[in-house]
Amino acid sequence: MHSQPIPPSLDDLGRSPLQLQVSAKPDPSGLPGQDKLQTLVDGLYSWSLILILAALVVAAIAWAWGAQSNHHGAASGGRRGVLLAAAAGLLVGMAPQIVNFFYGIGRR
């Protein structure tokens, strides 16, 4: 009777004596210019919200104009623009939470 070798479990793989220990943690003071980079990101965040608001207003105007003048192409494009601007606003607003969520999952 031939016995099959039992494959190692994931727990056994983590106990290797030659395991390389690497770690990383965010350190805001680790590199020079961190405060300038944070200011740049905050500015880009602000600009993106302003542009999304402008896109939403333009799309809403196109939707209203298209609906009022029976121009179905303009109404459809405006409606699509409103939905896209709303989705973009949602993604931009949630961006820090999304990054922190996946960072937290990766740190487990």
C-alpha atoms as a PDB file:
ATOM      1  CA  MET A   1       0.000   0.000   0.000  1.00  0.00           C
ATOM      2  CA  HIS A   2       1.453   3.341  -1.048  1.00  0.00           C
ATOM      3  CA  SER A   3       1.010   6.255   1.280  1.00  0.00           C
ATOM      4  CA  GLN A   4       0.754   9.719  -0.180  1.00  0.00           C
ATOM      5  CA  PRO A   5       2.867  12.418   1.467  1.00  0.00           C
ATOM      6  CA  ILE A   6       0.733  14.917   3.330  1.00  0.00           C
ATOM      7  CA  PRO A   7       1.176  18.420   1.907  1.00  0.00           C
ATOM      8  CA  PRO A   8       2.188  21.035   4.459  1.00  0.00           C
ATOM      9  CA  SER A   9      -0.571  23.254   5.732  1.00  0.00           C
ATOM     10  CA  LEU A  10      -0.383  27.023   5.605  1.00  0.00           C
ATOM     11  CA  ASP A  11       0.378  27.063   9.320  1.00  0.00           C
ATOM     12  CA  ASP A  12       3.442  24.884   8.769  1.00  0.00           C
ATOM     13  CA  LEU A  13       4.683  27.176   5.997  1.00  0.00           C
ATOM     14  CA  GLY A  14       4.688  30.153   8.367  1.00  0.00           C
ATOM     15  CA  ARG A  15       6.996  28.360  10.815  1.00  0.00           C
ATOM     16  CA  SER A  16       9.944  27.970   8.485  1.00  0.00           C
ATOM     17  CA  PRO A  17      13.272  28.546  10.295  1.00  0.00           C
ATOM     18  CA  LEU A  18      14.543  30.561   7.297  1.00  0.00           C
ATOM     19  CA  GLN A  19      11.596  32.920   7.259  1.00  0.00           C
ATOM     20  CA  LEU A  20      12.481  36.470   6.271  1.00  0.00           C
ATOM     21  CA  GLN A  21      10.968  39.055   8.588  1.00  0.00           C
ATOM     22  CA  VAL A  22       9.976  42.229   6.753  1.00  0.00           C
ATOM     23  CA  SER A  23       7.768  44.922   8.177  1.00  0.00           C
ATOM     24  CA  ALA A  24       6.599  48.370   7.207  1.00  0.00           C
ATOM     25  CA  LYS A  25       4.524  51.031   8.847  1.00  0.00           C
ATOM     26  CA  PRO A  26       3.523  54.483   7.673  1.00  0.00           C
ATOM     27  CA  ASP A  27       5.629  57.238   9.221  1.00  0.00           C
ATOM     28  CA  PRO A  28       4.642  60.799   8.266  1.00  0.00           C
ATOM     29  CA  SER A  29       7.996  62.125   9.443  1.00  0.00           C
ATOM     30  CA  GLY A  30       9.947  59.454   7.535  1.00  0.00           C
ATOM     31  CA  LEU A  31      10.646  61.514   4.422  1.00  0.00           C
ATOM     32  CA  PRO A  32      11.241  65.205   3.921  1.00  0.00           C
ATOM     33  CA  GLY A  33       8.424  67.125   2.317  1.00  0.00           C
ATOM     34  CA  GLN A  34       5.637  65.025   3.793  1.00  0.00           C
ATOM     35  CA  ASP A  35       3.662  68.100   4.829  1.00  0.00           C
ATOM     36  CA  LYS A  36       3.992  69.584   1.329  1.00  0.00           C
ATOM     37  CA  LEU A  37       2.821  66.328  -0.216  1.00  0.00           C
ATOM     38  CA  GLN A  38      -0.186  66.224   2.123  1.00  0.00           C
ATOM     39  CA  THR A  39      -0.993  69.837   1.190  1.00  0.00           C
ATOM     40  CA  LEU A  40      -0.770  68.918  -2.509  1.00  0.00           C
ATOM     41  CA  VAL A  41      -3.087  65.927  -2.052  1.00  0.00           C
ATOM     42  CA  ASP A  42      -5.559  68.070  -0.087  1.00  0.00           C
ATOM     43  CA  GLY A  43      -5.513  70.660  -2.858  1.00  0.00           C
ATOM     44  CA  LEU A  44      -6.103  68.037  -5.547  1.00  0.00           C
ATOM     45  CA  TYR A  45      -8.942  66.654  -3.453  1.00  0.00           C
ATOM     46  CA  SER A  46     -10.521  70.098  -3.283  1.00  0.00           C
ATOM     47  CA  TRP A  47     -10.083  70.727  -7.013  1.00  0.00           C
ATOM     48  CA  SER A  48     -11.611  67.359  -7.865  1.00  0.00           C
ATOM     49  CA  LEU A  49     -14.702  68.145  -5.780  1.00  0.00           C
ATOM     50  CA  ILE A  50     -15.055  71.554  -7.455  1.00  0.00           C
ATOM     51  CA  LEU A  51     -14.768  69.985 -10.920  1.00  0.00           C
ATOM     52  CA  ILE A  52     -17.309  67.306 -10.019  1.00  0.00           C
ATOM     53  CA  LEU A  53     -19.715  69.997  -8.830  1.00  0.00           C
ATOM     54  CA  ALA A  54     -19.243  71.911 -12.094  1.00  0.00           C
ATOM     55  CA  ALA A  55     -19.846  68.749 -14.116  1.00  0.00           C
ATOM     56  CA  LEU A  56     -22.977  68.035 -12.099  1.00  0.00           C
ATOM     57  CA  VAL A  57     -24.360  71.530 -12.721  1.00  0.00           C
ATOM     58  CA  VAL A  58     -23.609  71.402 -16.462  1.00  0.00           C
ATOM     59  CA  ALA A  59     -25.138  67.925 -16.780  1.00  0.00           C
ATOM     60  CA  ALA A  60     -28.246  68.975 -14.845  1.00  0.00           C
ATOM     61  CA  ILE A  61     -28.669  71.997 -17.133  1.00  0.00           C
ATOM     62  CA  ALA A  62     -28.296  69.775 -20.214  1.00  0.00           C
ATOM     63  CA  TRP A  63     -30.813  67.319 -18.788  1.00  0.00           C
ATOM     64  CA  ALA A  64     -33.325  70.085 -18.028  1.00  0.00           C
ATOM     65  CA  TRP A  65     -32.824  71.764 -21.405  1.00  0.00           C
ATOM     66  CA  GLY A  66     -33.140  68.458 -23.248  1.00  0.00           C
ATOM     67  CA  ALA A  67     -36.278  67.494 -21.353  1.00  0.00           C
ATOM     68  CA  GLN A  68     -37.857  70.919 -21.883  1.00  0.00           C
ATOM     69  CA  SER A  69     -37.122  71.058 -25.615  1.00  0.00           C
ATOM     70  CA  ASN A  70     -37.928  67.395 -26.337  1.00  0.00           C
ATOM     71  CA  HIS A  71     -34.333  66.764 -27.335  1.00  0.00           C
ATOM     72  CA  HIS A  72     -33.962  63.188 -26.161  1.00  0.00           C
ATOM     73  CA  GLY A  73     -30.239  63.019 -26.889  1.00  0.00           C
ATOM     74  CA  ALA A  74     -29.489  66.019 -24.672  1.00  0.00           C
ATOM     75  CA  ALA A  75     -31.805  64.765 -21.946  1.00  0.00           C
ATOM     76  CA  SER A  76     -30.204  61.323 -22.024  1.00  0.00           C
ATOM     77  CA  GLY A  77     -26.676  62.744 -22.034  1.00  0.00           C
ATOM     78  CA  GLY A  78     -27.508  65.116 -19.196  1.00  0.00           C
ATOM     79  CA  ARG A  79     -29.030  62.344 -17.121  1.00  0.00           C
ATOM     80  CA  ARG A  80     -25.959  60.174 -17.730  1.00  0.00           C
ATOM     81  CA  GLY A  81     -23.721  63.110 -16.766  1.00  0.00           C
ATOM     82  CA  VAL A  82     -25.621  63.650 -13.513  1.00  0.00           C
ATOM     83  CA  LEU A  83     -25.260  59.979 -12.613  1.00  0.00           C
ATOM     84  CA  LEU A  84     -21.557  59.946 -13.517  1.00  0.00           C
ATOM     85  CA  ALA A  85     -20.897  63.108 -11.512  1.00  0.00           C
ATOM     86  CA  ALA A  86     -22.743  61.641  -8.538  1.00  0.00           C
ATOM     87  CA  ALA A  87     -20.713  58.415  -8.797  1.00  0.00           C
ATOM     88  CA  ALA A  88     -17.475  60.410  -9.106  1.00  0.00           C
ATOM     89  CA  GLY A  89     -18.416  62.439  -6.029  1.00  0.00           C
ATOM     90  CA  LEU A  90     -19.115  59.235  -4.143  1.00  0.00           C
ATOM     91  CA  LEU A  91     -15.756  57.735  -5.117  1.00  0.00           C
ATOM     92  CA  VAL A  92     -13.794  60.901  -4.338  1.00  0.00           C
ATOM     93  CA  GLY A  93     -15.585  61.287  -1.018  1.00  0.00           C
ATOM     94  CA  MET A  94     -14.946  57.671  -0.098  1.00  0.00           C
ATOM     95  CA  ALA A  95     -11.359  57.520  -1.390  1.00  0.00           C
ATOM     96  CA  PRO A  96      -9.638  57.918   2.008  1.00  0.00           C
ATOM     97  CA  GLN A  97     -11.955  55.363   3.605  1.00  0.00           C
ATOM     98  CA  ILE A  98     -11.421  52.909   0.739  1.00  0.00           C
ATOM     99  CA  VAL A  99      -7.637  53.193   1.069  1.00  0.00           C
ATOM    100  CA  ASN A 100      -7.808  52.810   4.857  1.00  0.00           C
ATOM    101  CA  PHE A 101     -10.166  49.835   4.553  1.00  0.00           C
ATOM    102  CA  PHE A 102      -7.860  47.905   2.231  1.00  0.00           C
ATOM    103  CA  TYR A 103      -4.788  48.967   4.193  1.00  0.00           C
ATOM    104  CA  GLY A 104      -6.432  47.550   7.320  1.00  0.00           C
ATOM    105  CA  ILE A 105      -7.189  44.284   5.527  1.00  0.00           C
ATOM    106  CA  GLY A 106      -3.599  44.087   4.292  1.00  0.00           C
ATOM    107  CA  ARG A 107      -2.191  44.607   7.775  1.00  0.00           C
ATOM    108  CA  ARG A 108      -4.040  41.575   9.204  1.00  0.00           C
END
